[in-house]
Protein backbone atom coordinates (compact mmCIF):
# COMPACT_ATOMS: atom_id res chain seq x y z
CA MET A 1 -124.76 -95.31 58.58
CA SER A 2 -121.68 -93.25 57.57
CA GLU A 3 -118.16 -94.49 58.29
CA SER A 4 -117.57 -91.83 60.98
CA THR A 5 -120.85 -92.79 62.71
CA PHE A 6 -119.95 -96.48 62.63
CA ASN A 7 -116.52 -95.78 64.10
CA LEU A 8 -117.95 -93.67 66.91
CA GLN A 9 -120.26 -96.49 67.98
CA ASN A 10 -117.99 -99.49 67.54
CA ARG A 11 -114.29 -98.64 67.84
CA PRO A 12 -112.61 -99.07 71.26
CA VAL A 13 -113.08 -96.05 73.52
CA PRO A 14 -109.36 -95.13 73.80
CA LYS A 15 -108.90 -95.24 70.01
CA VAL A 16 -111.95 -93.05 69.35
CA PHE A 17 -110.86 -90.55 72.01
CA ALA A 18 -107.31 -90.44 70.63
CA SER A 19 -108.58 -89.94 67.07
CA TYR A 20 -110.34 -86.75 68.20
CA LEU A 21 -107.92 -85.66 70.92
CA VAL A 22 -104.66 -85.74 68.92
CA PRO A 23 -105.75 -83.50 66.02
CA SER A 24 -107.67 -81.22 68.40
CA LEU A 25 -104.64 -80.79 70.70
CA LEU A 26 -102.22 -80.37 67.80
CA GLY A 27 -104.43 -77.71 66.26
CA MET A 28 -104.90 -75.89 69.56
CA LEU A 29 -101.20 -76.15 70.45
CA LEU A 30 -100.29 -74.64 67.08
CA MET A 31 -102.78 -71.86 67.77
CA ALA A 32 -101.26 -71.46 71.24
CA ILE A 33 -97.74 -71.20 69.82
CA ASN A 34 -99.12 -68.71 67.33
CA ILE A 35 -100.53 -66.56 70.16
CA LEU A 36 -97.22 -66.80 72.02
CA VAL A 37 -95.22 -65.80 68.93
CA ASP A 38 -97.65 -62.90 68.42
CA GLY A 39 -96.72 -61.58 71.84
CA ILE A 40 -93.00 -62.17 71.31
CA PHE A 41 -93.03 -60.35 67.96
CA VAL A 42 -94.98 -57.40 69.32
CA SER A 43 -92.84 -57.09 72.45
CA ASN A 44 -89.48 -57.48 70.71
CA GLY A 45 -90.39 -55.74 67.45
CA ILE A 46 -92.35 -52.78 68.82
CA GLY A 47 -91.93 -52.62 72.62
CA PRO A 48 -93.46 -53.52 76.00
CA GLU A 49 -96.02 -50.69 75.75
CA ALA A 50 -97.25 -52.17 72.48
CA LEU A 51 -97.57 -55.59 74.15
CA ALA A 52 -99.63 -54.03 76.95
CA GLY A 53 -101.77 -52.23 74.34
CA VAL A 54 -102.47 -55.41 72.39
CA ASN A 55 -103.26 -57.24 75.64
CA ILE A 56 -105.84 -54.56 76.50
CA ALA A 57 -107.43 -55.06 73.07
CA VAL A 58 -107.40 -58.87 73.47
CA PRO A 59 -110.85 -58.99 75.17
CA ILE A 60 -112.40 -58.22 71.77
CA PHE A 61 -111.01 -61.61 70.69
CA SER A 62 -112.65 -63.20 73.72
CA ILE A 63 -115.95 -61.54 72.84
CA LEU A 64 -115.78 -62.71 69.21
CA LEU A 65 -114.69 -66.18 70.30
CA SER A 66 -117.49 -66.27 72.88
CA ILE A 67 -120.05 -65.66 70.11
CA SER A 68 -118.50 -68.29 67.84
CA LEU A 69 -118.48 -70.84 70.68
CA TRP A 70 -121.98 -69.82 71.82
CA ILE A 71 -123.46 -70.52 68.41
CA GLY A 72 -120.90 -73.10 67.28
CA MET A 73 -121.02 -75.32 70.38
CA GLY A 74 -124.78 -74.91 70.75
CA GLY A 75 -125.43 -75.76 67.12
CA ALA A 76 -122.80 -78.51 66.92
CA THR A 77 -124.11 -80.22 70.08
CA LEU A 78 -127.59 -80.36 68.55
CA TYR A 79 -126.03 -81.43 65.23
CA SER A 80 -124.20 -84.42 66.79
CA ILE A 81 -127.22 -85.45 68.84
CA SER A 82 -129.30 -85.42 65.64
CA LEU A 83 -126.68 -87.55 63.87
CA GLY A 84 -126.74 -89.98 66.81
CA GLN A 85 -130.52 -90.16 66.38
CA GLY A 86 -130.12 -90.71 62.62
CA ASP A 87 -131.87 -87.44 61.63
CA THR A 88 -129.63 -86.00 58.87
CA LYS A 89 -132.21 -83.52 57.63
CA LYS A 90 -132.54 -81.88 61.04
CA ALA A 91 -128.75 -81.84 61.46
CA ARG A 92 -128.29 -79.86 58.23
CA SER A 93 -131.02 -77.41 59.16
CA ILE A 94 -129.28 -76.80 62.51
CA PHE A 95 -126.00 -76.07 60.70
CA THR A 96 -127.64 -73.55 58.34
CA GLN A 97 -129.52 -71.82 61.16
CA SER A 98 -126.27 -71.51 63.12
CA PHE A 99 -124.42 -69.77 60.30
CA VAL A 100 -127.17 -67.26 59.60
CA LEU A 101 -127.48 -66.53 63.33
CA ALA A 102 -123.73 -65.93 63.67
CA VAL A 103 -123.56 -63.50 60.75
CA SER A 104 -126.52 -61.52 62.11
CA ILE A 105 -125.23 -61.18 65.69
CA VAL A 106 -121.60 -60.45 64.79
CA GLY A 107 -122.57 -57.95 62.08
CA ILE A 108 -124.53 -55.85 64.58
CA LEU A 109 -121.81 -56.12 67.26
CA VAL A 110 -119.00 -55.10 64.90
CA ALA A 111 -120.94 -52.10 63.59
CA LEU A 112 -121.61 -50.83 67.13
CA SER A 113 -118.01 -51.46 68.24
CA LEU A 114 -116.50 -49.59 65.27
CA TRP A 115 -118.74 -46.66 66.15
CA LYS A 116 -117.51 -46.56 69.80
CA GLN A 117 -113.87 -47.66 69.46
CA GLU A 118 -112.31 -45.04 71.72
CA GLU A 119 -114.81 -45.59 74.52
CA ILE A 120 -114.23 -49.37 74.31
CA ALA A 121 -110.44 -48.94 74.52
CA TYR A 122 -110.62 -46.92 77.73
CA LEU A 123 -113.30 -49.22 79.14
CA PHE A 124 -110.91 -52.15 78.65
CA GLY A 125 -108.26 -50.38 80.76
CA ALA A 126 -106.22 -48.30 78.28
CA SER A 127 -104.16 -45.37 79.56
CA ASP A 128 -103.25 -42.32 77.47
CA VAL A 129 -99.79 -43.82 76.85
CA ILE A 130 -101.10 -47.18 75.67
CA PHE A 131 -104.25 -45.96 73.86
CA PRO A 132 -102.65 -45.42 70.40
CA TYR A 133 -101.56 -49.08 70.30
CA VAL A 134 -104.98 -50.28 71.44
CA LYS A 135 -106.77 -48.16 68.81
CA ASP A 136 -104.63 -49.33 65.86
CA TYR A 137 -104.99 -53.01 66.76
CA LEU A 138 -108.67 -52.90 67.74
CA HIS A 139 -109.88 -51.21 64.54
CA ILE A 140 -108.46 -53.86 62.21
CA ILE A 141 -109.56 -56.81 64.34
CA LEU A 142 -113.12 -55.47 64.34
CA LEU A 143 -113.13 -55.00 60.55
CA PHE A 144 -112.35 -58.70 60.06
CA GLY A 145 -114.31 -59.97 63.07
CA ILE A 146 -116.93 -61.83 61.03
CA VAL A 147 -114.25 -63.91 59.29
CA TYR A 148 -112.73 -64.93 62.63
CA VAL A 149 -116.13 -66.05 63.95
CA LEU A 150 -117.09 -68.00 60.82
CA GLU A 151 -113.77 -69.86 60.76
CA ASN A 152 -114.28 -70.95 64.38
CA ILE A 153 -117.87 -72.07 63.82
CA LEU A 154 -117.03 -74.01 60.66
CA SER A 155 -114.12 -75.71 62.42
CA ILE A 156 -116.42 -76.84 65.26
CA PHE A 157 -119.04 -78.27 62.87
CA ILE A 158 -116.41 -80.04 60.76
CA ARG A 159 -115.07 -81.73 63.90
CA ASN A 160 -118.62 -82.81 64.76
CA ASP A 161 -119.05 -84.14 61.22
CA GLY A 162 -116.32 -86.71 61.83
CA ASN A 163 -113.39 -84.83 60.29
CA PRO A 164 -111.23 -83.57 63.19
CA THR A 165 -108.12 -83.82 61.00
CA LEU A 166 -109.32 -81.12 58.56
CA ALA A 167 -110.37 -78.93 61.49
CA MET A 168 -106.79 -79.28 62.75
CA ILE A 169 -105.31 -78.50 59.32
CA GLY A 170 -107.37 -75.31 59.15
CA LEU A 171 -106.06 -74.18 62.55
CA VAL A 172 -102.49 -75.15 61.65
CA THR A 173 -102.69 -73.20 58.38
CA THR A 174 -104.01 -70.12 60.15
CA SER A 175 -101.37 -70.36 62.87
CA ILE A 176 -98.35 -70.85 60.62
CA LEU A 177 -99.39 -68.10 58.22
CA ASN A 178 -100.00 -65.73 61.13
CA ILE A 179 -96.43 -66.27 62.31
CA VAL A 180 -95.07 -65.67 58.80
CA PHE A 181 -97.20 -62.57 58.25
CA ASN A 182 -96.25 -61.22 61.69
CA TYR A 183 -92.57 -61.41 60.81
CA ILE A 184 -93.12 -59.77 57.42
CA PHE A 185 -95.42 -56.98 58.62
CA ILE A 186 -93.66 -56.14 61.91
CA PHE A 187 -89.95 -56.71 61.22
CA MET A 188 -89.68 -56.29 57.44
CA MET A 189 -92.37 -53.66 56.75
CA ASN A 190 -92.35 -51.88 60.15
CA MET A 191 -96.15 -51.74 60.30
CA GLY A 192 -96.29 -51.80 64.12
CA VAL A 193 -99.34 -53.20 65.90
CA GLU A 194 -101.36 -52.73 62.70
CA GLY A 195 -99.07 -55.33 61.14
CA ALA A 196 -99.89 -57.78 63.96
CA ALA A 197 -103.63 -57.21 63.42
CA TYR A 198 -103.39 -57.62 59.62
CA ALA A 199 -101.36 -60.82 60.10
CA THR A 200 -104.21 -62.27 62.18
CA ALA A 201 -106.86 -61.15 59.68
CA PHE A 202 -105.17 -62.43 56.50
CA SER A 203 -104.18 -65.79 57.99
CA THR A 204 -107.75 -66.32 59.24
CA ILE A 205 -109.19 -65.69 55.76
CA ILE A 206 -106.88 -68.31 54.23
CA GLY A 207 -107.67 -70.77 57.05
CA LEU A 208 -111.39 -70.35 56.33
CA PHE A 209 -110.84 -71.28 52.66
CA VAL A 210 -108.96 -74.42 53.74
CA LEU A 211 -111.94 -75.53 55.83
CA LEU A 212 -114.29 -75.13 52.88
CA TYR A 213 -112.66 -78.23 51.35
CA HIS A 214 -114.85 -80.29 53.70
CA PHE A 215 -117.85 -79.63 51.46
CA VAL A 216 -116.10 -81.32 48.53
CA ARG A 217 -115.87 -84.67 50.37
CA LYS A 218 -118.61 -87.10 49.29
CA GLU A 219 -118.82 -88.74 52.73
CA SER A 220 -119.55 -85.42 54.47
CA VAL A 221 -123.02 -85.07 55.96
CA LEU A 222 -122.52 -81.35 56.58
CA ARG A 223 -124.35 -79.27 53.99
CA PHE A 224 -126.11 -75.92 53.73
CA VAL A 225 -129.85 -76.22 53.07
CA LYS A 226 -132.46 -73.64 52.15
CA PHE A 227 -132.77 -71.22 55.06
CA SER A 228 -136.12 -71.04 56.78
CA PRO A 229 -136.20 -69.32 60.19
CA ASP A 230 -136.95 -71.77 62.99
CA ARG A 231 -137.38 -70.11 66.37
CA LYS A 232 -137.29 -73.41 68.24
CA ILE A 233 -133.92 -74.44 66.78
CA VAL A 234 -132.45 -70.96 67.28
CA SER A 235 -133.66 -70.94 70.88
CA GLU A 236 -132.07 -74.35 71.53
CA ILE A 237 -128.80 -73.30 69.90
CA LEU A 238 -128.57 -70.22 72.11
CA LYS A 239 -129.60 -72.14 75.23
CA ILE A 240 -127.19 -75.06 74.79
CA GLY A 241 -124.33 -72.82 73.66
CA SER A 242 -124.77 -70.34 76.52
CA PRO A 243 -122.14 -71.97 78.81
CA SER A 244 -119.50 -71.56 76.08
CA PHE A 245 -120.56 -67.96 75.63
CA VAL A 246 -120.24 -67.30 79.35
CA VAL A 247 -116.82 -69.02 79.50
CA GLU A 248 -115.32 -66.77 76.83
CA GLY A 249 -117.38 -63.70 77.72
CA SER A 250 -116.22 -63.97 81.31
CA ALA A 251 -112.65 -64.39 80.03
CA ALA A 252 -112.97 -60.91 78.53
CA ILE A 253 -114.32 -59.58 81.84
CA ILE A 254 -111.44 -61.26 83.72
CA VAL A 255 -108.79 -59.65 81.47
CA VAL A 256 -110.40 -56.21 81.78
CA ALA A 257 -110.82 -56.60 85.56
CA TYR A 258 -107.21 -57.72 85.98
CA ASN A 259 -105.92 -54.80 83.88
CA ILE A 260 -107.94 -52.27 85.87
CA THR A 261 -106.91 -53.83 89.20
CA PHE A 262 -103.20 -53.96 88.33
CA SER A 263 -103.34 -50.40 86.97
CA HIS A 264 -104.93 -49.16 90.21
CA PHE A 265 -102.83 -51.07 92.77
CA VAL A 266 -99.48 -51.49 90.94
CA GLY A 267 -99.36 -49.20 87.89
CA GLU A 268 -97.66 -49.79 84.52
CA ILE A 269 -95.37 -52.46 85.99
CA GLY A 270 -98.40 -54.53 86.98
CA VAL A 271 -100.16 -54.07 83.63
CA THR A 272 -97.03 -55.12 81.70
CA ALA A 273 -96.39 -58.10 84.00
CA TYR A 274 -99.98 -59.24 83.59
CA ALA A 275 -99.67 -58.91 79.80
CA VAL A 276 -96.87 -61.52 79.89
CA VAL A 277 -98.75 -63.85 82.25
CA ASN A 278 -101.97 -63.48 80.26
CA TYR A 279 -100.21 -64.40 77.00
CA LEU A 280 -98.92 -67.55 78.69
CA HIS A 281 -102.36 -68.20 80.16
CA VAL A 282 -104.06 -67.97 76.77
CA VAL A 283 -101.51 -70.46 75.42
CA PHE A 284 -102.13 -73.03 78.18
CA LEU A 285 -105.88 -72.43 78.13
CA MET A 286 -105.91 -73.62 74.50
CA ILE A 287 -104.85 -77.08 75.71
CA PHE A 288 -107.93 -77.44 77.92
CA ILE A 289 -110.15 -76.01 75.19
CA GLY A 290 -108.63 -78.65 72.88
CA ILE A 291 -109.53 -81.47 75.28
CA GLY A 292 -113.08 -80.13 75.60
CA ALA A 293 -113.37 -79.71 71.82
CA ALA A 294 -112.32 -83.34 71.35
CA LEU A 295 -114.74 -84.60 74.00
CA GLN A 296 -117.84 -82.63 72.93
CA PRO A 297 -118.74 -84.32 69.59
CA ILE A 298 -118.10 -87.78 71.06
CA VAL A 299 -120.21 -87.14 74.17
CA SER A 300 -123.07 -85.48 72.25
CA PHE A 301 -123.21 -88.33 69.72
CA HIS A 302 -123.25 -91.03 72.39
CA PHE A 303 -125.87 -89.12 74.35
CA GLY A 304 -128.06 -88.97 71.24
CA ALA A 305 -127.47 -92.69 70.58
CA LYS A 306 -128.12 -93.52 74.29
CA LEU A 307 -124.75 -95.30 74.67
CA PHE A 308 -124.26 -94.18 78.27
CA ASP A 309 -121.59 -96.68 79.39
CA ARG A 310 -119.26 -95.57 76.61
CA LEU A 311 -120.11 -91.95 77.36
CA GLN A 312 -118.90 -92.33 80.97
CA ALA A 313 -115.67 -93.95 79.78
CA PHE A 314 -114.96 -90.97 77.52
CA LEU A 315 -115.56 -88.53 80.37
CA LYS A 316 -113.12 -90.40 82.61
CA LEU A 317 -110.44 -90.30 79.91
CA GLY A 318 -111.02 -86.59 79.38
CA LEU A 319 -110.66 -85.79 83.09
CA ILE A 320 -107.47 -87.84 83.47
CA THR A 321 -105.99 -86.11 80.43
CA GLY A 322 -106.96 -82.62 81.60
CA VAL A 323 -105.70 -82.96 85.17
CA GLY A 324 -102.45 -84.49 83.85
CA PHE A 325 -101.83 -81.44 81.69
CA GLY A 326 -102.66 -79.20 84.66
CA VAL A 327 -99.86 -80.81 86.71
CA VAL A 328 -97.34 -80.46 83.85
CA ILE A 329 -98.16 -76.75 83.35
CA LEU A 330 -97.82 -76.04 87.08
CA LEU A 331 -94.37 -77.64 87.14
CA MET A 332 -93.37 -75.60 84.08
CA GLY A 333 -94.40 -72.43 85.87
CA TRP A 334 -92.38 -73.27 88.96
CA PHE A 335 -89.19 -74.38 87.19
CA LEU A 336 -89.20 -72.52 83.84
CA ALA A 337 -90.52 -69.06 84.77
CA ASP A 338 -87.29 -67.21 83.87
CA PRO A 339 -86.97 -68.49 80.28
CA MET A 340 -90.71 -67.97 79.70
CA ILE A 341 -90.47 -64.33 80.79
CA ALA A 342 -87.29 -63.83 78.75
CA LEU A 343 -89.19 -64.79 75.58
CA PHE A 344 -91.04 -61.48 75.76
CA GLY A 345 -87.88 -59.36 75.89
CA VAL A 346 -88.66 -58.01 79.37
CA THR A 347 -85.51 -56.33 80.73
CA ASP A 348 -86.86 -54.22 83.60
CA PRO A 349 -85.89 -56.10 86.81
CA GLU A 350 -89.02 -54.88 88.64
CA VAL A 351 -91.31 -56.18 85.89
CA THR A 352 -89.39 -59.47 85.76
CA ALA A 353 -89.59 -60.01 89.53
CA PHE A 354 -93.31 -59.16 89.71
CA THR A 355 -94.08 -61.41 86.70
CA LYS A 356 -92.15 -64.33 88.19
CA GLU A 357 -94.00 -63.98 91.48
CA GLY A 358 -97.28 -63.88 89.56
CA ILE A 359 -96.50 -67.09 87.68
CA SER A 360 -95.72 -68.96 90.92
CA TYR A 361 -99.16 -68.05 92.32
CA PHE A 362 -101.25 -68.00 89.15
CA PHE A 363 -100.20 -71.40 87.74
CA ILE A 364 -101.49 -73.33 90.77
CA GLY A 365 -104.96 -72.61 89.36
CA TYR A 366 -104.35 -74.98 86.42
CA LEU A 367 -104.73 -77.97 88.73
CA PHE A 368 -108.40 -77.03 89.16
CA LEU A 369 -109.13 -75.23 85.86
CA SER A 370 -108.84 -78.46 83.86
CA PHE A 371 -111.37 -80.29 86.05
CA ASN A 372 -113.81 -77.36 86.09
CA LEU A 373 -113.79 -76.71 82.34
CA ILE A 374 -114.06 -80.37 81.32
CA MET A 375 -116.99 -81.00 83.66
CA ALA A 376 -118.73 -77.85 82.41
CA GLU A 377 -118.13 -78.95 78.80
CA TYR A 378 -119.46 -82.43 79.57
CA TYR A 379 -122.71 -81.17 81.09
CA GLN A 380 -123.17 -78.78 78.18
CA SER A 381 -122.65 -81.63 75.68
CA ILE A 382 -125.49 -83.64 77.25
CA LYS A 383 -127.81 -80.61 77.47
CA ARG A 384 -127.53 -80.21 81.26
CA ILE A 385 -127.15 -76.46 80.83
CA ARG A 386 -127.97 -75.39 84.37
CA LEU A 387 -125.17 -77.47 85.89
CA SER A 388 -122.69 -76.25 83.31
CA MET A 389 -123.64 -72.62 83.95
CA ILE A 390 -123.32 -73.02 87.73
CA ILE A 391 -119.72 -74.23 87.36
CA ILE A 392 -118.76 -71.49 84.90
CA ILE A 393 -120.37 -68.54 86.68
CA LEU A 394 -119.08 -69.65 90.07
CA ARG A 395 -115.43 -69.85 88.93
CA SER A 396 -115.34 -66.78 86.70
CA LEU A 397 -117.65 -64.20 88.27
CA VAL A 398 -119.17 -65.05 91.65
CA LEU A 399 -115.84 -65.95 93.26
CA PHE A 400 -113.25 -64.25 91.08
CA LEU A 401 -114.47 -60.64 91.02
CA PRO A 402 -114.85 -60.22 94.82
CA LEU A 403 -111.45 -61.88 95.35
CA LEU A 404 -109.87 -59.44 92.90
CA TRP A 405 -110.87 -56.58 95.22
CA ILE A 406 -110.48 -58.29 98.61
CA LEU A 407 -106.97 -59.73 98.12
CA PRO A 408 -105.04 -56.54 97.21
CA THR A 409 -107.09 -54.38 99.58
CA TYR A 410 -106.45 -56.47 102.69
CA PHE A 411 -103.31 -58.49 101.91
CA GLY A 412 -101.26 -56.48 99.38
CA PRO A 413 -100.96 -56.04 95.59
CA GLU A 414 -98.92 -59.22 95.03
CA TYR A 415 -101.95 -61.26 96.10
CA ILE A 416 -103.91 -60.06 93.06
CA TRP A 417 -102.39 -63.07 91.28
CA LEU A 418 -104.17 -65.48 93.63
CA ALA A 419 -107.69 -64.41 92.60
CA PHE A 420 -107.65 -66.83 89.64
CA THR A 421 -106.17 -69.70 91.66
CA LEU A 422 -108.57 -69.38 94.61
CA ALA A 423 -111.64 -69.01 92.38
CA GLU A 424 -110.76 -72.15 90.40
CA GLY A 425 -109.73 -74.07 93.52
CA VAL A 426 -112.89 -73.34 95.50
CA THR A 427 -115.05 -74.22 92.48
CA GLY A 428 -113.21 -77.48 91.80
CA ILE A 429 -113.22 -78.63 95.41
CA GLY A 430 -116.86 -77.61 95.79
CA LEU A 431 -117.80 -79.54 92.65
CA PHE A 432 -115.99 -82.66 93.85
CA ILE A 433 -117.41 -82.52 97.39
CA GLY A 434 -120.89 -81.75 96.08
CA LYS A 435 -120.98 -84.76 93.74
CA LYS A 436 -123.80 -86.30 95.78
CA VAL A 437 -125.95 -83.28 94.96
CA PHE A 438 -125.52 -84.01 91.26
CA ARG A 439 -126.20 -87.76 91.44
CA ASN A 440 -129.85 -87.25 90.51
CA ILE A 441 -129.09 -84.86 87.64
CA SER A 442 -127.55 -87.26 85.13
CA PRO A 443 -128.42 -87.64 81.41
CA GLU A 444 -129.91 -91.05 82.22
CA ARG A 445 -132.21 -89.71 84.94
CA ASN A 446 -135.35 -90.40 82.94
CA LEU A 447 -134.03 -93.69 81.59
CA ASN A 448 -133.27 -95.37 84.96
CA GLU A 449 -129.61 -95.85 84.06
CA ASN A 450 -126.53 -95.44 86.26
CA SER A 451 -125.52 -91.92 87.13
CA ALA A 452 -123.11 -90.34 84.66
CA HIS A 453 -121.74 -88.29 87.49
CA SER A 454 -120.46 -91.44 89.20
CA VAL A 455 -117.27 -91.12 87.17
CA ILE A 456 -115.99 -88.50 89.65
CA SER A 457 -117.25 -90.38 92.71
């Protein structure tokens, strides 16, 4: 038994959770600050139109991230379950299969996207004014897309291999260097949005090299083995990782849908205001992703080891942490909207007023987002894929897209902001009320144990 495995099984629950949560949150917060600084540099160094252009290109990040989480979370969940079962050989095969799968899928996607760049830009909501900024940024991000995906997947597996600190260091390195390169390329070399894209690409490459240090450590279980295609493993990876793919894939759809809706009902003012709110949203979303990333390897390991009482205790801690952060972010939105908007150099009073109104409506959704995402992550980590998918699809597609059309059509354009809040709220309340429905769908169902879902009862 490795030291990390021993600690997972025997250390007190709060200490184990903190040992994963702190580095995960620090890494994600640094990445969030990095995203925020990206927006500030682009807006102040190039202009609001450039910020809107980059925001329209942002869904390509969501698509790339969705693939890395699809394969990374699917593979890493199986990896941790195998470690919990003591099967190191299978765990290493899962890791190798995941990497080969990621390179294959992303390679095909990038090639097709580079071929149809202009069509993609307009599909994502670009106007003729904003298109040049979208094109310059999109092209470079696509060229380095494979690096971005591999860094994310490796970070996830390293966290599942008992080294969350190195995973954090890799994210911190990428984030800090991105800020430095942004300043150099945008303000010193006047490279425009291309400079912002190159800053992201170069910092990601260096972050990937930092993560490779994990393979030097003697206590690491994670290793590449000889690749031999295994359809069963690949199928399980794709199945278990599908909720993560839908979460990020739907995030891309949400951004595109919001851009199109604001462009239609409000115009450039709405698109620019949403660019500011979306940058803030991506920042805060990283916190909840960080909590889920900390919870996943712990839950998957304990599920594999059949330590269900400890598993429930970890879920409870995760939910309390997530909802607590949701309350803090809501209060920030209500009381600190003006300084947050000012960070992006917005001077147009109409844009400022519309953005502030949007924040007051939009941020209420964080009270429910934390609960929804953590429960979806939990069910995914114990291989209850159907439940996880129901939560994700309900909040991001089934409810959100109709609301995005109904609210501005019947109540006015300012109510576009409430689509996110209402979709998350209805999903969260429905999940809580419907807990009795889920009582018989727990990981212990076939083992005659207590229901894991009782933690939210």
